[in-house]
Amino acid sequence: MAVQGVSIALATEDVARSVQFYLDQLGFACPLQLDGFARVRLGAADMEYGVREFGLLDDNGYRLSFAQHVAAN
């Protein structure tokens, strides 16, 4: 399954470290980073029901779910 897009808001103890993880390990871009908060993005965001999902555990122990719209048959 190819990820078409996802946007994640990060609010962690070490935002800079988390941003680097998403950039270096997962290929995300970081359009916004402030003290204590950042938003990372990969492609265009699409959060609808009727999706195919997969998850991962990131470097802070957060479980993330990624979703892709599945066309009706």
PDB file of N, CA and C in Angstrom:
ATOM      1  N   MET A   1       0.851  -1.182   0.000  1.00  0.00           N
ATOM      2  CA  MET A   1       0.000   0.000   0.000  1.00  0.00           C
ATOM      3  C   MET A   1       0.886   1.231   0.000  1.00  0.00           C
ATOM      4  N   ALA A   2       0.662   2.137  -0.902  1.00  0.00           N
ATOM      5  CA  ALA A   2       1.410   3.389  -0.954  1.00  0.00           C
ATOM      6  C   ALA A   2       0.665   4.458  -0.166  1.00  0.00           C
ATOM      7  N   VAL A   3       1.385   5.160   0.686  1.00  0.00           N
ATOM      8  CA  VAL A   3       0.793   6.253   1.446  1.00  0.00           C
ATOM      9  C   VAL A   3       0.610   7.437   0.512  1.00  0.00           C
ATOM     10  N   GLN A   4      -0.616   7.964   0.439  1.00  0.00           N
ATOM     11  CA  GLN A   4      -0.871   9.119  -0.411  1.00  0.00           C
ATOM     12  C   GLN A   4      -0.698  10.418   0.336  1.00  0.00           C
ATOM     13  N   GLY A   5      -0.890  10.392   1.647  1.00  0.00           N
ATOM     14  CA  GLY A   5      -0.673  11.603   2.415  1.00  0.00           C
ATOM     15  C   GLY A   5      -1.036  11.449   3.871  1.00  0.00           C
ATOM     16  N   VAL A   6      -0.285  12.138   4.703  1.00  0.00           N
ATOM     17  CA  VAL A   6      -0.551  12.143   6.134  1.00  0.00           C
ATOM     18  C   VAL A   6       0.039  13.413   6.736  1.00  0.00           C
ATOM     19  N   SER A   7      -0.634  13.942   7.736  1.00  0.00           N
ATOM     20  CA  SER A   7      -0.157  15.115   8.457  1.00  0.00           C
ATOM     21  C   SER A   7      -0.262  14.805   9.940  1.00  0.00           C
ATOM     22  N   ILE A   8       0.826  14.989  10.678  1.00  0.00           N
ATOM     23  CA  ILE A   8       0.866  14.638  12.095  1.00  0.00           C
ATOM     24  C   ILE A   8       1.296  15.844  12.905  1.00  0.00           C
ATOM     25  N   ALA A   9       0.578  16.135  13.975  1.00  0.00           N
ATOM     26  CA  ALA A   9       0.967  17.180  14.924  1.00  0.00           C
ATOM     27  C   ALA A   9       1.784  16.518  16.020  1.00  0.00           C
ATOM     28  N   LEU A  10       2.995  17.035  16.254  1.00  0.00           N
ATOM     29  CA  LEU A  10       3.877  16.489  17.276  1.00  0.00           C
ATOM     30  C   LEU A  10       3.966  17.459  18.449  1.00  0.00           C
ATOM     31  N   ALA A  11       3.726  16.984  19.642  1.00  0.00           N
ATOM     32  CA  ALA A  11       3.922  17.759  20.857  1.00  0.00           C
ATOM     33  C   ALA A  11       4.609  16.823  21.842  1.00  0.00           C
ATOM     34  N   THR A  12       5.924  16.821  21.839  1.00  0.00           N
ATOM     35  CA  THR A  12       6.706  15.885  22.633  1.00  0.00           C
ATOM     36  C   THR A  12       7.731  16.638  23.471  1.00  0.00           C
ATOM     37  N   GLU A  13       8.390  15.915  24.375  1.00  0.00           N
ATOM     38  CA  GLU A  13       9.419  16.532  25.216  1.00  0.00           C
ATOM     39  C   GLU A  13      10.587  17.053  24.394  1.00  0.00           C
ATOM     40  N   ASP A  14      10.922  16.355  23.317  1.00  0.00           N
ATOM     41  CA  ASP A  14      12.040  16.756  22.461  1.00  0.00           C
ATOM     42  C   ASP A  14      11.549  16.819  21.013  1.00  0.00           C
ATOM     43  N   VAL A  15      10.915  17.935  20.679  1.00  0.00           N
ATOM     44  CA  VAL A  15      10.318  18.093  19.347  1.00  0.00           C
ATOM     45  C   VAL A  15      11.368  17.982  18.246  1.00  0.00           C
ATOM     46  N   ALA A  16      12.519  18.597  18.447  1.00  0.00           N
ATOM     47  CA  ALA A  16      13.571  18.561  17.419  1.00  0.00           C
ATOM     48  C   ALA A  16      13.991  17.126  17.104  1.00  0.00           C
ATOM     49  N   ARG A  17      14.135  16.291  18.134  1.00  0.00           N
ATOM     50  CA  ARG A  17      14.518  14.893  17.927  1.00  0.00           C
ATOM     51  C   ARG A  17      13.418  14.155  17.167  1.00  0.00           C
ATOM     52  N   SER A  18      12.167  14.397  17.547  1.00  0.00           N
ATOM     53  CA  SER A  18      11.053  13.745  16.869  1.00  0.00           C
ATOM     54  C   SER A  18      10.966  14.158  15.406  1.00  0.00           C
ATOM     55  N   VAL A  19      11.127  15.449  15.135  1.00  0.00           N
ATOM     56  CA  VAL A  19      11.109  15.940  13.755  1.00  0.00           C
ATOM     57  C   VAL A  19      12.204  15.250  12.947  1.00  0.00           C
ATOM     58  N   GLN A  20      13.412  15.158  13.493  1.00  0.00           N
ATOM     59  CA  GLN A  20      14.515  14.495  12.777  1.00  0.00           C
ATOM     60  C   GLN A  20      14.180  13.043  12.468  1.00  0.00           C
ATOM     61  N   PHE A  21      13.525  12.352  13.409  1.00  0.00           N
ATOM     62  CA  PHE A  21      13.115  10.967  13.176  1.00  0.00           C
ATOM     63  C   PHE A  21      12.188  10.885  11.964  1.00  0.00           C
ATOM     64  N   TYR A  22      11.168  11.734  11.937  1.00  0.00           N
ATOM     65  CA  TYR A  22      10.217  11.715  10.823  1.00  0.00           C
ATOM     66  C   TYR A  22      10.868  12.105   9.503  1.00  0.00           C
ATOM     67  N   LEU A  23      11.781  13.055   9.534  1.00  0.00           N
ATOM     68  CA  LEU A  23      12.479  13.471   8.308  1.00  0.00           C
ATOM     69  C   LEU A  23      13.425  12.381   7.826  1.00  0.00           C
ATOM     70  N   ASP A  24      14.312  11.909   8.709  1.00  0.00           N
ATOM     71  CA  ASP A  24      15.368  10.977   8.324  1.00  0.00           C
ATOM     72  C   ASP A  24      14.884   9.547   8.105  1.00  0.00           C
ATOM     73  N   GLN A  25      13.997   9.065   8.966  1.00  0.00           N
ATOM     74  CA  GLN A  25      13.587   7.663   8.914  1.00  0.00           C
ATOM     75  C   GLN A  25      12.361   7.408   8.043  1.00  0.00           C
ATOM     76  N   LEU A  26      11.466   8.407   7.944  1.00  0.00           N
ATOM     77  CA  LEU A  26      10.207   8.176   7.246  1.00  0.00           C
ATOM     78  C   LEU A  26       9.995   9.057   6.023  1.00  0.00           C
ATOM     79  N   GLY A  27      10.897  10.008   5.768  1.00  0.00           N
ATOM     80  CA  GLY A  27      10.800  10.832   4.567  1.00  0.00           C
ATOM     81  C   GLY A  27       9.783  11.953   4.616  1.00  0.00           C
ATOM     82  N   PHE A  28       9.366  12.363   5.804  1.00  0.00           N
ATOM     83  CA  PHE A  28       8.398  13.456   5.948  1.00  0.00           C
ATOM     84  C   PHE A  28       9.078  14.809   5.721  1.00  0.00           C
ATOM     85  N   ALA A  29       8.273  15.839   5.500  1.00  0.00           N
ATOM     86  CA  ALA A  29       8.716  17.237   5.478  1.00  0.00           C
ATOM     87  C   ALA A  29       8.152  17.893   6.740  1.00  0.00           C
ATOM     88  N   CYS A  30       8.770  18.988   7.168  1.00  0.00           N
ATOM     89  CA  CYS A  30       8.300  19.694   8.361  1.00  0.00           C
ATOM     90  C   CYS A  30       7.942  21.127   7.978  1.00  0.00           C
ATOM     91  N   PRO A  31       6.661  21.396   7.676  1.00  0.00           N
ATOM     92  CA  PRO A  31       6.262  22.747   7.289  1.00  0.00           C
ATOM     93  C   PRO A  31       6.151  23.721   8.460  1.00  0.00           C
ATOM     94  N   LEU A  32       6.103  23.206   9.706  1.00  0.00           N
ATOM     95  CA  LEU A  32       5.936  24.084  10.869  1.00  0.00           C
ATOM     96  C   LEU A  32       6.642  23.494  12.080  1.00  0.00           C
ATOM     97  N   GLN A  33       7.510  24.283  12.709  1.00  0.00           N
ATOM     98  CA  GLN A  33       8.147  23.854  13.958  1.00  0.00           C
ATOM     99  C   GLN A  33       8.273  25.056  14.880  1.00  0.00           C
ATOM    100  N   LEU A  34       7.696  24.932  16.083  1.00  0.00           N
ATOM    101  CA  LEU A  34       7.735  25.961  17.111  1.00  0.00           C
ATOM    102  C   LEU A  34       8.321  25.348  18.379  1.00  0.00           C
ATOM    103  N   ASP A  35       8.456  26.120  19.436  1.00  0.00           N
ATOM    104  CA  ASP A  35       8.891  25.568  20.713  1.00  0.00           C
ATOM    105  C   ASP A  35       7.824  24.611  21.235  1.00  0.00           C
ATOM    106  N   GLY A  36       8.161  23.348  21.350  1.00  0.00           N
ATOM    107  CA  GLY A  36       7.246  22.365  21.907  1.00  0.00           C
ATOM    108  C   GLY A  36       6.202  21.809  20.957  1.00  0.00           C
ATOM    109  N   PHE A  37       6.226  22.183  19.684  1.00  0.00           N
ATOM    110  CA  PHE A  37       5.208  21.723  18.738  1.00  0.00           C
ATOM    111  C   PHE A  37       5.763  21.728  17.329  1.00  0.00           C
ATOM    112  N   ALA A  38       5.350  20.746  16.530  1.00  0.00           N
ATOM    113  CA  ALA A  38       5.711  20.721  15.107  1.00  0.00           C
ATOM    114  C   ALA A  38       4.629  19.970  14.348  1.00  0.00           C
ATOM    115  N   ARG A  39       4.546  20.237  13.059  1.00  0.00           N
ATOM    116  CA  ARG A  39       3.668  19.479  12.175  1.00  0.00           C
ATOM    117  C   ARG A  39       4.546  18.893  11.084  1.00  0.00           C
ATOM    118  N   VAL A  40       4.417  17.584  10.883  1.00  0.00           N
ATOM    119  CA  VAL A  40       5.140  16.914   9.808  1.00  0.00           C
ATOM    120  C   VAL A  40       4.122  16.390   8.815  1.00  0.00           C
ATOM    121  N   ARG A  41       4.532  16.330   7.570  1.00  0.00           N
ATOM    122  CA  ARG A  41       3.593  15.977   6.505  1.00  0.00           C
ATOM    123  C   ARG A  41       4.288  15.114   5.458  1.00  0.00           C
ATOM    124  N   LEU A  42       3.509  14.191   4.920  1.00  0.00           N
ATOM    125  CA  LEU A  42       3.961  13.353   3.811  1.00  0.00           C
ATOM    126  C   LEU A  42       2.828  13.302   2.808  1.00  0.00           C
ATOM    127  N   GLY A  43       3.012  13.909   1.637  1.00  0.00           N
ATOM    128  CA  GLY A  43       1.969  13.923   0.616  1.00  0.00           C
ATOM    129  C   GLY A  43       0.785  14.759   1.046  1.00  0.00           C
ATOM    130  N   ALA A  44      -0.388  14.436   0.516  1.00  0.00           N
ATOM    131  CA  ALA A  44      -1.626  15.144   0.845  1.00  0.00           C
ATOM    132  C   ALA A  44      -2.394  14.346   1.897  1.00  0.00           C
ATOM    133  N   ALA A  45      -2.956  15.007   2.905  1.00  0.00           N
ATOM    134  CA  ALA A  45      -3.698  14.325   3.973  1.00  0.00           C
ATOM    135  C   ALA A  45      -5.072  13.876   3.452  1.00  0.00           C
ATOM    136  N   ASP A  46      -5.545  12.686   3.833  1.00  0.00           N
ATOM    137  CA  ASP A  46      -6.863  12.116   3.482  1.00  0.00           C
ATOM    138  C   ASP A  46      -7.346  11.210   4.608  1.00  0.00           C
ATOM    139  N   MET A  47      -8.232  11.730   5.521  1.00  0.00           N
ATOM    140  CA  MET A  47      -8.733  10.950   6.653  1.00  0.00           C
ATOM    141  C   MET A  47     -10.236  10.712   6.469  1.00  0.00           C
ATOM    142  N   GLU A  48     -10.590   9.635   5.794  1.00  0.00           N
ATOM    143  CA  GLU A  48     -11.987   9.283   5.575  1.00  0.00           C
ATOM    144  C   GLU A  48     -12.249   7.871   6.087  1.00  0.00           C
ATOM    145  N   TYR A  49     -13.537   7.554   6.271  1.00  0.00           N
ATOM    146  CA  TYR A  49     -13.904   6.168   6.562  1.00  0.00           C
ATOM    147  C   TYR A  49     -13.838   5.394   5.260  1.00  0.00           C
ATOM    148  N   GLY A  50     -13.778   4.067   5.355  1.00  0.00           N
ATOM    149  CA  GLY A  50     -13.593   3.244   4.174  1.00  0.00           C
ATOM    150  C   GLY A  50     -12.145   3.296   3.727  1.00  0.00           C
ATOM    151  N   VAL A  51     -11.230   3.063   4.664  1.00  0.00           N
ATOM    152  CA  VAL A  51      -9.807   3.197   4.381  1.00  0.00           C
ATOM    153  C   VAL A  51      -9.072   1.897   4.681  1.00  0.00           C
ATOM    154  N   ARG A  52      -7.914   1.762   4.104  1.00  0.00           N
ATOM    155  CA  ARG A  52      -6.973   0.695   4.427  1.00  0.00           C
ATOM    156  C   ARG A  52      -5.924   1.332   5.328  1.00  0.00           C
ATOM    157  N   GLU A  53      -5.553   0.667   6.418  1.00  0.00           N
ATOM    158  CA  GLU A  53      -4.637   1.265   7.389  1.00  0.00           C
ATOM    159  C   GLU A  53      -3.440   0.375   7.686  1.00  0.00           C
ATOM    160  N   PHE A  54      -2.360   0.999   8.129  1.00  0.00           N
ATOM    161  CA  PHE A  54      -1.257   0.279   8.760  1.00  0.00           C
ATOM    162  C   PHE A  54      -0.715   1.167   9.867  1.00  0.00           C
ATOM    163  N   GLY A  55      -0.024   0.579  10.816  1.00  0.00           N
ATOM    164  CA  GLY A  55       0.464   1.353  11.950  1.00  0.00           C
ATOM    165  C   GLY A  55       1.937   1.122  12.197  1.00  0.00           C
ATOM    166  N   LEU A  56       2.496   1.998  13.024  1.00  0.00           N
ATOM    167  CA  LEU A  56       3.883   1.857  13.450  1.00  0.00           C
ATOM    168  C   LEU A  56       4.044   2.465  14.830  1.00  0.00           C
ATOM    169  N   LEU A  57       5.135   2.108  15.479  1.00  0.00           N
ATOM    170  CA  LEU A  57       5.494   2.652  16.776  1.00  0.00           C
ATOM    171  C   LEU A  57       6.677   3.570  16.547  1.00  0.00           C
ATOM    172  N   ASP A  58       6.543   4.882  16.886  1.00  0.00           N
ATOM    173  CA  ASP A  58       7.638   5.819  16.606  1.00  0.00           C
ATOM    174  C   ASP A  58       8.653   5.858  17.734  1.00  0.00           C
ATOM    175  N   ASP A  59       9.633   6.728  17.622  1.00  0.00           N
ATOM    176  CA  ASP A  59      10.739   6.785  18.573  1.00  0.00           C
ATOM    177  C   ASP A  59      10.322   7.248  19.968  1.00  0.00           C
ATOM    178  N   ASN A  60       9.135   7.813  20.136  1.00  0.00           N
ATOM    179  CA  ASN A  60       8.635   8.224  21.443  1.00  0.00           C
ATOM    180  C   ASN A  60       7.672   7.207  22.047  1.00  0.00           C
ATOM    181  N   GLY A  61       7.444   6.114  21.342  1.00  0.00           N
ATOM    182  CA  GLY A  61       6.516   5.110  21.824  1.00  0.00           C
ATOM    183  C   GLY A  61       5.073   5.363  21.418  1.00  0.00           C
ATOM    184  N   TYR A  62       4.838   6.357  20.532  1.00  0.00           N
ATOM    185  CA  TYR A  62       3.487   6.616  20.050  1.00  0.00           C
ATOM    186  C   TYR A  62       3.131   5.614  18.963  1.00  0.00           C
ATOM    187  N   ARG A  63       1.922   5.094  19.032  1.00  0.00           N
ATOM    188  CA  ARG A  63       1.415   4.220  17.982  1.00  0.00           C
ATOM    189  C   ARG A  63       0.696   5.095  16.969  1.00  0.00           C
ATOM    190  N   LEU A  64       1.117   5.012  15.725  1.00  0.00           N
ATOM    191  CA  LEU A  64       0.548   5.824  14.652  1.00  0.00           C
ATOM    192  C   LEU A  64      -0.178   4.931  13.675  1.00  0.00           C
ATOM    193  N   SER A  65      -1.260   5.452  13.126  1.00  0.00           N
ATOM    194  CA  SER A  65      -2.028   4.733  12.131  1.00  0.00           C
ATOM    195  C   SER A  65      -2.055   5.556  10.854  1.00  0.00           C
ATOM    196  N   PHE A  66      -1.720   4.938   9.737  1.00  0.00           N
ATOM    197  CA  PHE A  66      -1.735   5.582   8.427  1.00  0.00           C
ATOM    198  C   PHE A  66      -2.869   4.959   7.621  1.00  0.00           C
ATOM    199  N   ALA A  67      -3.585   5.786   6.871  1.00  0.00           N
ATOM    200  CA  ALA A  67      -4.769   5.301   6.173  1.00  0.00           C
ATOM    201  C   ALA A  67      -4.772   5.728   4.705  1.00  0.00           C
ATOM    202  N   GLN A  68      -5.394   4.879   3.871  1.00  0.00           N
ATOM    203  CA  GLN A  68      -5.581   5.191   2.459  1.00  0.00           C
ATOM    204  C   GLN A  68      -7.018   4.852   2.093  1.00  0.00           C
ATOM    205  N   HIS A  69      -7.686   5.758   1.388  1.00  0.00           N
ATOM    206  CA  HIS A  69      -9.066   5.543   0.950  1.00  0.00           C
ATOM    207  C   HIS A  69      -9.141   4.339   0.039  1.00  0.00           C
ATOM    208  N   VAL A  70     -10.141   3.497   0.265  1.00  0.00           N
ATOM    209  CA  VAL A  70     -10.366   2.331  -0.573  1.00  0.00           C
ATOM    210  C   VAL A  70     -11.627   2.575  -1.382  1.00  0.00           C
ATOM    211  N   ALA A  71     -11.503   2.532  -2.698  1.00  0.00           N
ATOM    212  CA  ALA A  71     -12.656   2.761  -3.587  1.00  0.00           C
ATOM    213  C   ALA A  71     -13.692   1.663  -3.414  1.00  0.00           C
ATOM    214  N   ALA A  72     -14.961   2.037  -3.483  1.00  0.00           N
ATOM    215  CA  ALA A  72     -16.052   1.059  -3.389  1.00  0.00           C
ATOM    216  C   ALA A  72     -16.051   0.171  -4.611  1.00  0.00           C
ATOM    217  N   ASN A  73     -16.357  -1.108  -4.410  1.00  0.00           N
ATOM    218  CA  ASN A  73     -16.403  -2.058  -5.541  1.00  0.00           C
ATOM    219  C   ASN A  73     -17.717  -1.984  -6.255  1.00  0.00           C
TER     220      ASN A  73
END
